[in-house]
Amino acid sequence: VAVEREFALKGGTAINLFIRDFPRLSVDIDLAWVPLESRTIALPHIRDALARIAANLQQQAGINAVLQANRSDEMRVVVTTDSAQIKIEVSPVARGTLYPPQEREVVGAVEDVFGYASLPVVSLPDLYGGKLCAALDRQHPRDFYDVKLLLDAQELNRPIFNGFIAYLLSHNRPLAEVLSPRWKDIAEPFYREFSGMTFETIALEELTAVPYRMIDALKSC
């Protein structure tokens, strides 16, 4: 992925491998397309870059990488081994970043386990602005967990709030729906899709409190 310099890492993988000290596992690699291009120009460029990533991965022993082609705007590579599957994804809608990406190195805990790596990562306002919108929209325990660590560290500052506003304004749903969601019961996805992903035990009750903490924190920015 790092070879394709017009991509920058974002999402939970960026947070947990490059910002936080590897508190949880991640299930996919979310990439931002950095050039601010029109959709017509960007989509072929993104697909070509993903095709190169898939081809490079396919040359590695024990790895199967397939560029998905079910739709013209499906920008995803599915990577599988005998024991795992991950997705490398790019949004066909959101292109460009609010601030320039930064070259970052993996945190020490990641380097100890997997070795050294560095690649461009979106700015903290981009990273957490997008994460806060995702938490409001998807309401997945993984997003709530990442937001919890942000709130626990008291790092929700004005630049991140500005990033949140920028990503909120570019959301495909009405603002009123995103800002006043009907909160879901996250018990099932917590036990089925999240439990066991963190290196320190976290209770369901801690995550169910995050939406209300998040709203209060956003209001106080």
C-alpha atoms as a PDB file:
ATOM      1  CA  VAL A   1       0.000   0.000   0.000  1.00  0.00           C
ATOM      2  CA  ALA A   2       2.779   2.424   0.912  1.00  0.00           C
ATOM      3  CA  VAL A   3       4.162   2.262  -2.639  1.00  0.00           C
ATOM      4  CA  GLU A   4       1.075   4.098  -3.923  1.00  0.00           C
ATOM      5  CA  ARG A   5       1.874   7.578  -2.660  1.00  0.00           C
ATOM      6  CA  GLU A   6      -1.440   9.155  -3.636  1.00  0.00           C
ATOM      7  CA  PHE A   7      -3.159   7.145  -0.913  1.00  0.00           C
ATOM      8  CA  ALA A   8      -3.129   8.029   2.786  1.00  0.00           C
ATOM      9  CA  LEU A   9      -4.241   5.716   5.562  1.00  0.00           C
ATOM     10  CA  LYS A  10      -7.320   6.654   7.582  1.00  0.00           C
ATOM     11  CA  GLY A  11      -9.868   5.003   9.889  1.00  0.00           C
ATOM     12  CA  GLY A  12      -9.379   2.554  12.724  1.00  0.00           C
ATOM     13  CA  THR A  13      -6.221   0.987  11.313  1.00  0.00           C
ATOM     14  CA  ALA A  14      -4.532   4.391  11.199  1.00  0.00           C
ATOM     15  CA  ILE A  15      -5.624   5.146  14.761  1.00  0.00           C
ATOM     16  CA  ASN A  16      -4.641   1.825  16.286  1.00  0.00           C
ATOM     17  CA  LEU A  17      -1.366   1.221  14.455  1.00  0.00           C
ATOM     18  CA  PHE A  18       0.004   4.750  14.054  1.00  0.00           C
ATOM     19  CA  ILE A  19      -1.593   6.926  16.783  1.00  0.00           C
ATOM     20  CA  ARG A  20      -2.564   4.734  19.742  1.00  0.00           C
ATOM     21  CA  ASP A  21      -0.273   2.048  21.132  1.00  0.00           C
ATOM     22  CA  PHE A  22      -1.990  -0.860  19.337  1.00  0.00           C
ATOM     23  CA  PRO A  23      -5.000  -1.198  21.689  1.00  0.00           C
ATOM     24  CA  ARG A  24      -7.065  -3.347  19.311  1.00  0.00           C
ATOM     25  CA  LEU A  25      -6.967  -5.387  16.145  1.00  0.00           C
ATOM     26  CA  SER A  26      -8.357  -4.026  12.896  1.00  0.00           C
ATOM     27  CA  VAL A  27     -10.350  -5.743  10.161  1.00  0.00           C
ATOM     28  CA  ASP A  28      -9.720  -3.546   7.142  1.00  0.00           C
ATOM     29  CA  ILE A  29      -7.451  -0.907   5.648  1.00  0.00           C
ATOM     30  CA  ASP A  30      -9.258   2.329   4.795  1.00  0.00           C
ATOM     31  CA  LEU A  31      -7.486   4.612   2.362  1.00  0.00           C
ATOM     32  CA  ALA A  32      -8.094   8.216   1.357  1.00  0.00           C
ATOM     33  CA  TRP A  33      -7.397   9.338  -2.206  1.00  0.00           C
ATOM     34  CA  VAL A  34      -5.371  12.489  -1.624  1.00  0.00           C
ATOM     35  CA  PRO A  35      -5.594  14.296  -5.008  1.00  0.00           C
ATOM     36  CA  LEU A  36      -8.631  16.562  -5.184  1.00  0.00           C
ATOM     37  CA  GLU A  37      -9.937  15.348  -8.531  1.00  0.00           C
ATOM     38  CA  SER A  38     -13.374  15.081 -10.044  1.00  0.00           C
ATOM     39  CA  ARG A  39     -15.111  11.734  -9.692  1.00  0.00           C
ATOM     40  CA  THR A  40     -14.755  11.019 -13.412  1.00  0.00           C
ATOM     41  CA  ILE A  41     -10.994  11.514 -13.288  1.00  0.00           C
ATOM     42  CA  ALA A  42     -10.365  10.016  -9.841  1.00  0.00           C
ATOM     43  CA  LEU A  43     -12.168   6.672 -10.101  1.00  0.00           C
ATOM     44  CA  PRO A  44     -10.016   5.242 -12.920  1.00  0.00           C
ATOM     45  CA  HIS A  45      -6.870   6.417 -11.116  1.00  0.00           C
ATOM     46  CA  ILE A  46      -8.004   4.815  -7.851  1.00  0.00           C
ATOM     47  CA  ARG A  47      -8.889   1.550  -9.564  1.00  0.00           C
ATOM     48  CA  ASP A  48      -5.522   1.438 -11.350  1.00  0.00           C
ATOM     49  CA  ALA A  49      -3.687   2.008  -8.061  1.00  0.00           C
ATOM     50  CA  LEU A  50      -5.706  -0.711  -6.315  1.00  0.00           C
ATOM     51  CA  ALA A  51      -5.019  -3.067  -9.217  1.00  0.00           C
ATOM     52  CA  ARG A  52      -1.281  -2.512  -8.725  1.00  0.00           C
ATOM     53  CA  ILE A  53      -1.623  -3.191  -4.993  1.00  0.00           C
ATOM     54  CA  ALA A  54      -3.533  -6.410  -5.701  1.00  0.00           C
ATOM     55  CA  ALA A  55      -0.951  -7.521  -8.268  1.00  0.00           C
ATOM     56  CA  ASN A  56       1.930  -6.898  -5.845  1.00  0.00           C
ATOM     57  CA  LEU A  57       0.177  -8.798  -3.059  1.00  0.00           C
ATOM     58  CA  GLN A  58      -0.665 -11.658  -5.387  1.00  0.00           C
ATOM     59  CA  GLN A  59       3.055 -12.237  -5.902  1.00  0.00           C
ATOM     60  CA  GLN A  60       3.536 -12.949  -2.190  1.00  0.00           C
ATOM     61  CA  ALA A  61       3.489 -16.605  -1.188  1.00  0.00           C
ATOM     62  CA  GLY A  62       0.288 -17.680   0.556  1.00  0.00           C
ATOM     63  CA  ILE A  63      -1.632 -14.497  -0.264  1.00  0.00           C
ATOM     64  CA  ASN A  64      -4.603 -14.157  -2.589  1.00  0.00           C
ATOM     65  CA  ALA A  65      -5.639 -10.607  -3.521  1.00  0.00           C
ATOM     66  CA  VAL A  66      -8.674  -9.855  -5.675  1.00  0.00           C
ATOM     67  CA  LEU A  67      -9.768  -6.443  -6.926  1.00  0.00           C
ATOM     68  CA  GLN A  68     -13.553  -6.399  -6.642  1.00  0.00           C
ATOM     69  CA  ALA A  69     -15.358  -5.479  -9.851  1.00  0.00           C
ATOM     70  CA  ASN A  70     -19.053  -5.983  -9.129  1.00  0.00           C
ATOM     71  CA  ARG A  71     -19.726  -2.262  -9.698  1.00  0.00           C
ATOM     72  CA  SER A  72     -17.818   0.423 -11.536  1.00  0.00           C
ATOM     73  CA  ASP A  73     -17.454   2.437  -8.312  1.00  0.00           C
ATOM     74  CA  GLU A  74     -16.514  -0.498  -6.069  1.00  0.00           C
ATOM     75  CA  MET A  75     -13.014   0.347  -4.866  1.00  0.00           C
ATOM     76  CA  ARG A  76     -12.001  -2.658  -2.793  1.00  0.00           C
ATOM     77  CA  VAL A  77      -9.302  -5.335  -2.711  1.00  0.00           C
ATOM     78  CA  VAL A  78     -10.075  -8.476  -0.712  1.00  0.00           C
ATOM     79  CA  VAL A  79      -6.918 -10.095   0.639  1.00  0.00           C
ATOM     80  CA  THR A  80      -7.021 -13.626   2.055  1.00  0.00           C
ATOM     81  CA  THR A  81      -4.623 -16.138   3.538  1.00  0.00           C
ATOM     82  CA  ASP A  82      -5.317 -19.527   5.044  1.00  0.00           C
ATOM     83  CA  SER A  83      -6.110 -17.904   8.390  1.00  0.00           C
ATOM     84  CA  ALA A  84      -7.350 -14.363   7.747  1.00  0.00           C
ATOM     85  CA  GLN A  85      -9.154 -11.977   5.434  1.00  0.00           C
ATOM     86  CA  ILE A  86      -8.856  -8.201   5.235  1.00  0.00           C
ATOM     87  CA  LYS A  87     -10.247  -5.557   2.906  1.00  0.00           C
ATOM     88  CA  ILE A  88      -8.401  -2.607   1.414  1.00  0.00           C
ATOM     89  CA  GLU A  89     -11.025   0.024   0.636  1.00  0.00           C
ATOM     90  CA  VAL A  90     -11.260   3.509  -0.820  1.00  0.00           C
ATOM     91  CA  SER A  91     -14.399   5.633  -0.718  1.00  0.00           C
ATOM     92  CA  PRO A  92     -15.566   6.498  -4.250  1.00  0.00           C
ATOM     93  CA  VAL A  93     -17.287   9.599  -2.849  1.00  0.00           C
ATOM     94  CA  ALA A  94     -14.843  11.330  -0.483  1.00  0.00           C
ATOM     95  CA  ARG A  95     -11.727  12.510  -2.314  1.00  0.00           C
ATOM     96  CA  GLY A  96      -9.012  14.821  -1.073  1.00  0.00           C
ATOM     97  CA  THR A  97      -8.278  15.682   2.558  1.00  0.00           C
ATOM     98  CA  LEU A  98      -8.902  18.684   4.772  1.00  0.00           C
ATOM     99  CA  TYR A  99      -5.203  18.994   5.672  1.00  0.00           C
ATOM    100  CA  PRO A 100      -2.103  17.432   4.087  1.00  0.00           C
ATOM    101  CA  PRO A 101      -1.343  13.866   5.230  1.00  0.00           C
ATOM    102  CA  GLN A 102       1.725  13.223   7.376  1.00  0.00           C
ATOM    103  CA  GLU A 103       4.299  10.464   7.042  1.00  0.00           C
ATOM    104  CA  ARG A 104       4.051   8.384  10.214  1.00  0.00           C
ATOM    105  CA  GLU A 105       5.823   5.349  11.620  1.00  0.00           C
ATOM    106  CA  VAL A 106       3.980   2.486  13.279  1.00  0.00           C
ATOM    107  CA  VAL A 107       3.872   2.686  17.066  1.00  0.00           C
ATOM    108  CA  GLY A 108       6.365   0.675  19.088  1.00  0.00           C
ATOM    109  CA  ALA A 109       3.959  -2.120  20.005  1.00  0.00           C
ATOM    110  CA  VAL A 110       3.202  -2.725  16.323  1.00  0.00           C
ATOM    111  CA  GLU A 111       6.873  -2.681  15.349  1.00  0.00           C
ATOM    112  CA  ASP A 112       7.669  -5.221  18.072  1.00  0.00           C
ATOM    113  CA  VAL A 113       5.149  -7.685  16.622  1.00  0.00           C
ATOM    114  CA  PHE A 114       5.131  -6.999  12.877  1.00  0.00           C
ATOM    115  CA  GLY A 115       8.256  -4.968  12.151  1.00  0.00           C
ATOM    116  CA  TYR A 116       8.850  -1.413  11.035  1.00  0.00           C
ATOM    117  CA  ALA A 117       6.648   0.376   8.528  1.00  0.00           C
ATOM    118  CA  SER A 118       5.841   3.953   7.605  1.00  0.00           C
ATOM    119  CA  LEU A 119       3.323   5.506   5.259  1.00  0.00           C
ATOM    120  CA  PRO A 120       1.236   8.649   4.823  1.00  0.00           C
ATOM    121  CA  VAL A 121      -1.587   9.009   7.349  1.00  0.00           C
ATOM    122  CA  VAL A 122      -4.327  11.626   7.148  1.00  0.00           C
ATOM    123  CA  SER A 123      -4.120  14.508   9.628  1.00  0.00           C
ATOM    124  CA  LEU A 124      -5.648  14.159  13.085  1.00  0.00           C
ATOM    125  CA  PRO A 125      -8.579  16.482  12.185  1.00  0.00           C
ATOM    126  CA  ASP A 126      -9.249  14.332   9.113  1.00  0.00           C
ATOM    127  CA  LEU A 127      -8.749  11.094  11.004  1.00  0.00           C
ATOM    128  CA  TYR A 128     -10.910  11.806  14.024  1.00  0.00           C
ATOM    129  CA  GLY A 129     -13.363  14.056  12.195  1.00  0.00           C
ATOM    130  CA  GLY A 130     -14.170  11.097   9.971  1.00  0.00           C
ATOM    131  CA  LYS A 131     -14.195   8.698  12.908  1.00  0.00           C
ATOM    132  CA  LEU A 132     -16.700  10.806  14.863  1.00  0.00           C
ATOM    133  CA  CYS A 133     -19.017  10.919  11.838  1.00  0.00           C
ATOM    134  CA  ALA A 134     -18.643   7.160  11.411  1.00  0.00           C
ATOM    135  CA  ALA A 135     -19.493   6.595  15.071  1.00  0.00           C
ATOM    136  CA  LEU A 136     -22.677   8.651  14.738  1.00  0.00           C
ATOM    137  CA  ASP A 137     -23.619   6.973  11.471  1.00  0.00           C
ATOM    138  CA  ARG A 138     -22.654   3.297  11.850  1.00  0.00           C
ATOM    139  CA  GLN A 139     -22.828   3.050  15.649  1.00  0.00           C
ATOM    140  CA  HIS A 140     -20.435   0.106  15.588  1.00  0.00           C
ATOM    141  CA  PRO A 141     -18.591  -0.922  18.766  1.00  0.00           C
ATOM    142  CA  ARG A 142     -15.245  -0.522  16.966  1.00  0.00           C
ATOM    143  CA  ASP A 143     -15.998   3.144  16.263  1.00  0.00           C
ATOM    144  CA  PHE A 144     -17.276   3.746  19.781  1.00  0.00           C
ATOM    145  CA  TYR A 145     -14.097   2.184  21.171  1.00  0.00           C
ATOM    146  CA  ASP A 146     -11.855   4.464  19.102  1.00  0.00           C
ATOM    147  CA  VAL A 147     -13.908   7.494  20.175  1.00  0.00           C
ATOM    148  CA  LYS A 148     -13.761   6.356  23.806  1.00  0.00           C
ATOM    149  CA  LEU A 149      -9.956   6.464  23.742  1.00  0.00           C
ATOM    150  CA  LEU A 150     -10.099   9.956  22.230  1.00  0.00           C
ATOM    151  CA  LEU A 151     -12.465  11.143  24.966  1.00  0.00           C
ATOM    152  CA  ASP A 152     -10.523   9.404  27.737  1.00  0.00           C
ATOM    153  CA  ALA A 153      -7.373  11.214  26.621  1.00  0.00           C
ATOM    154  CA  GLN A 154      -9.288  14.537  26.495  1.00  0.00           C
ATOM    155  CA  GLU A 155      -8.012  15.118  22.971  1.00  0.00           C
ATOM    156  CA  LEU A 156     -11.237  16.267  21.308  1.00  0.00           C
ATOM    157  CA  ASN A 157     -10.016  19.772  20.504  1.00  0.00           C
ATOM    158  CA  ARG A 158     -11.105  22.538  18.153  1.00  0.00           C
ATOM    159  CA  PRO A 159      -9.093  21.326  15.114  1.00  0.00           C
ATOM    160  CA  ILE A 160     -10.665  17.868  15.415  1.00  0.00           C
ATOM    161  CA  PHE A 161     -14.089  19.475  15.855  1.00  0.00           C
ATOM    162  CA  ASN A 162     -13.486  21.455  12.658  1.00  0.00           C
ATOM    163  CA  GLY A 163     -12.599  18.193  10.930  1.00  0.00           C
ATOM    164  CA  PHE A 164     -15.823  16.698  12.227  1.00  0.00           C
ATOM    165  CA  ILE A 165     -17.822  19.607  10.788  1.00  0.00           C
ATOM    166  CA  ALA A 166     -16.123  19.219   7.398  1.00  0.00           C
ATOM    167  CA  TYR A 167     -16.899  15.499   7.214  1.00  0.00           C
ATOM    168  CA  LEU A 168     -20.398  16.070   8.549  1.00  0.00           C
ATOM    169  CA  LEU A 169     -21.123  18.554   5.757  1.00  0.00           C
ATOM    170  CA  SER A 170     -19.950  16.037   3.157  1.00  0.00           C
ATOM    171  CA  HIS A 171     -22.088  13.217   4.566  1.00  0.00           C
ATOM    172  CA  ASN A 172     -24.629  11.615   2.249  1.00  0.00           C
ATOM    173  CA  ARG A 173     -27.393  11.655   4.868  1.00  0.00           C
ATOM    174  CA  PRO A 174     -29.312  14.711   6.137  1.00  0.00           C
ATOM    175  CA  LEU A 175     -27.462  16.479   8.944  1.00  0.00           C
ATOM    176  CA  ALA A 176     -30.427  16.169  11.309  1.00  0.00           C
ATOM    177  CA  GLU A 177     -30.376  12.379  10.968  1.00  0.00           C
ATOM    178  CA  VAL A 178     -26.652  12.135  11.634  1.00  0.00           C
ATOM    179  CA  LEU A 179     -26.654  14.534  14.589  1.00  0.00           C
ATOM    180  CA  SER A 180     -29.779  13.109  16.240  1.00  0.00           C
ATOM    181  CA  PRO A 181     -29.592   9.393  15.543  1.00  0.00           C
ATOM    182  CA  ARG A 182     -31.793   6.716  16.961  1.00  0.00           C
ATOM    183  CA  TRP A 183     -29.260   4.904  19.097  1.00  0.00           C
ATOM    184  CA  LYS A 184     -29.031   1.188  18.409  1.00  0.00           C
ATOM    185  CA  ASP A 185     -28.643  -1.692  20.814  1.00  0.00           C
ATOM    186  CA  ILE A 186     -25.007  -2.645  20.210  1.00  0.00           C
ATOM    187  CA  ALA A 187     -25.017  -5.828  22.305  1.00  0.00           C
ATOM    188  CA  GLU A 188     -25.177  -8.206  19.336  1.00  0.00           C
ATOM    189  CA  PRO A 189     -22.361  -6.612  17.277  1.00  0.00           C
ATOM    190  CA  PHE A 190     -20.342  -6.200  20.470  1.00  0.00           C
ATOM    191  CA  TYR A 191     -20.328  -9.924  21.229  1.00  0.00           C
ATOM    192  CA  ARG A 192     -20.333 -11.125  17.608  1.00  0.00           C
ATOM    193  CA  GLU A 193     -17.948  -8.680  15.925  1.00  0.00           C
ATOM    194  CA  PHE A 194     -15.933  -6.845  18.580  1.00  0.00           C
ATOM    195  CA  SER A 195     -15.399  -8.866  21.748  1.00  0.00           C
ATOM    196  CA  GLY A 196     -11.861 -10.230  21.802  1.00  0.00           C
ATOM    197  CA  MET A 197     -10.413  -7.570  19.482  1.00  0.00           C
ATOM    198  CA  THR A 198      -8.939  -5.444  22.283  1.00  0.00           C
ATOM    199  CA  PHE A 199      -5.839  -6.315  24.255  1.00  0.00           C
ATOM    200  CA  GLU A 200      -7.400  -4.998  27.459  1.00  0.00           C
ATOM    201  CA  THR A 201     -10.852  -6.152  28.502  1.00  0.00           C
ATOM    202  CA  ILE A 202     -13.640  -3.654  27.951  1.00  0.00           C
ATOM    203  CA  ALA A 203     -17.236  -4.051  29.091  1.00  0.00           C
ATOM    204  CA  LEU A 204     -20.275  -3.490  26.912  1.00  0.00           C
ATOM    205  CA  GLU A 205     -21.492  -0.878  29.397  1.00  0.00           C
ATOM    206  CA  GLU A 206     -18.391   1.244  28.777  1.00  0.00           C
ATOM    207  CA  LEU A 207     -19.188   1.458  25.077  1.00  0.00           C
ATOM    208  CA  THR A 208     -22.907   2.093  25.508  1.00  0.00           C
ATOM    209  CA  ALA A 209     -21.949   5.247  27.431  1.00  0.00           C
ATOM    210  CA  VAL A 210     -19.779   6.561  24.588  1.00  0.00           C
ATOM    211  CA  PRO A 211     -22.555   8.041  22.378  1.00  0.00           C
ATOM    212  CA  TYR A 212     -23.743  10.314  25.167  1.00  0.00           C
ATOM    213  CA  ARG A 213     -20.195  11.271  26.160  1.00  0.00           C
ATOM    214  CA  MET A 214     -19.429  12.002  22.514  1.00  0.00           C
ATOM    215  CA  ILE A 215     -22.450  14.274  22.032  1.00  0.00           C
ATOM    216  CA  ASP A 216     -21.660  16.180  25.236  1.00  0.00           C
ATOM    217  CA  ALA A 217     -18.027  16.618  24.196  1.00  0.00           C
ATOM    218  CA  LEU A 218     -18.972  17.863  20.728  1.00  0.00           C
ATOM    219  CA  LYS A 219     -21.398  20.381  22.216  1.00  0.00           C
ATOM    220  CA  SER A 220     -18.669  21.761  24.476  1.00  0.00           C
ATOM    221  CA  CYS A 221     -16.130  22.345  21.680  1.00  0.00           C
END
